[in-house]
């Protein structure tokens, strides 16, 4: 094997190591939803009370994600990445050993601390260890765990809970964590920044309150977790704190989340356009299983089998993303594919109980391909103009935008679904016709991302895509 080929092969091992950890996190965050009734029964709690476990994880993410970039700079990305995996594993063990609701909620918060560091720090490791010409190919691997986890999580959780025990949902993370730490030690370089500035404690407090209130408020909206006025107050406090943070960040020399990065056209398009486009991703794992099970009468296994094919489409995209971006460039791909992906998302409105499964599979398979291509391009173009010094700030800010968009996506889809169901009367069952408006509104919001991507210059991200200027 030649030196260049050996170097490229080595560099592609890094995204696989990072993808292993991200897959574990994405799988765990969705697999628990299916098992909540069994966990509640075992802990002698009301299932509604178990929602505290979901919100505790989200709150922990919101608090610690902003500090991930500074922590990686201060202590080294490899060290922090390995520590994040171990913290997540420790939280998983404690979840499996929990015998009461407070213990379970506390363990989920520990899991969230590890998860908050794994995603942005894992991406930072990738950005600093893979040549820019290989970033698209490397990020293609990272889109897969983000897509596979929400799709196979619910059916896998149901299978484990039914035929084994709900505690195994968390214990299966242990061998994956051990493998991740070993591979990270071997293949991930020890990269850290010198002369790291002090932690922005004021900004950390403001953005922590803002994100906690917003993510929790949007996630709990309309689900009965807290009273409506309390939820509205949380969202209001979140926006107020966010406004105060923006004012603070523009005045301090080293903010914990550097909003000045949004002055870069490619990063602004990735964060802004990506926020709108990801609303569809946030709503899809919520809306599709409901449509198939409550609308079409399929069982969870049949529903999971159908939704899983979108992951196969995403995997088929992996070897093609690089050549497509090299041929057409980021602007053309992002703008056109935003509309193409939206069309496949809107095709869900045409599904009925009589629609042949072969047609549904074909639509979801092809839609998964284009959606995964869009996520790869969005993630790659974000770092086209970011220098190495600010890379940690960029990964943290991008991670915050992604987490917010996923929460808002579920809230938007659920909110429209509730409004359409209300036409039949309070407490009525969902009908197939209730889903079309939800898919339509979420799809149109995602399509608005076209406005961000169309404003990019024709040669945006040329160094990463390899396209000639």
Foldseek 3Di string as FASTA:
>chain_A
DDPVVVLQVLLLVLLVLLLLLLLLVLQLLQLVVLCLVVVCVQLVHDSLLLVLLNLLLQLLLQLQLLQLLLVCQVQFLLVLLLVLLVQLLQLLLQCLVDNHSVSNSVSSSSNSPSVSNSQLSSVLLSVVRHDLQCLLLSVLSNLLSNQQNLLCSHVVSVVCVVPPNNSVSSVVSVVSSVVSNVSSVVRGDGDHHPPRDDAPVVLSVLSSLLSSLLLSLLLCPPVPSDDPVVSVVSNVSNVVSVVVSVVVLVPDPDHSANPVLCVDLLQVLLLVLVLLQCLLVLAVSVQQLCCCCQALVDDPVVSSVLLNLLSVLSVVLSVVLLVVCQVQNLLVLLLVLLVVLLVLLLCLLVDHSPPDSVVSSVSSSNSSNSSSSNNSSSVSLSCLPPDSVCSSSSSSVSVSSSSSSSSNSNSQLVVQLVVLQCVVPPPDGGYNNSNNVSSVVSSVSSSVSSVSSNPDDSCRSCSNSVHDD
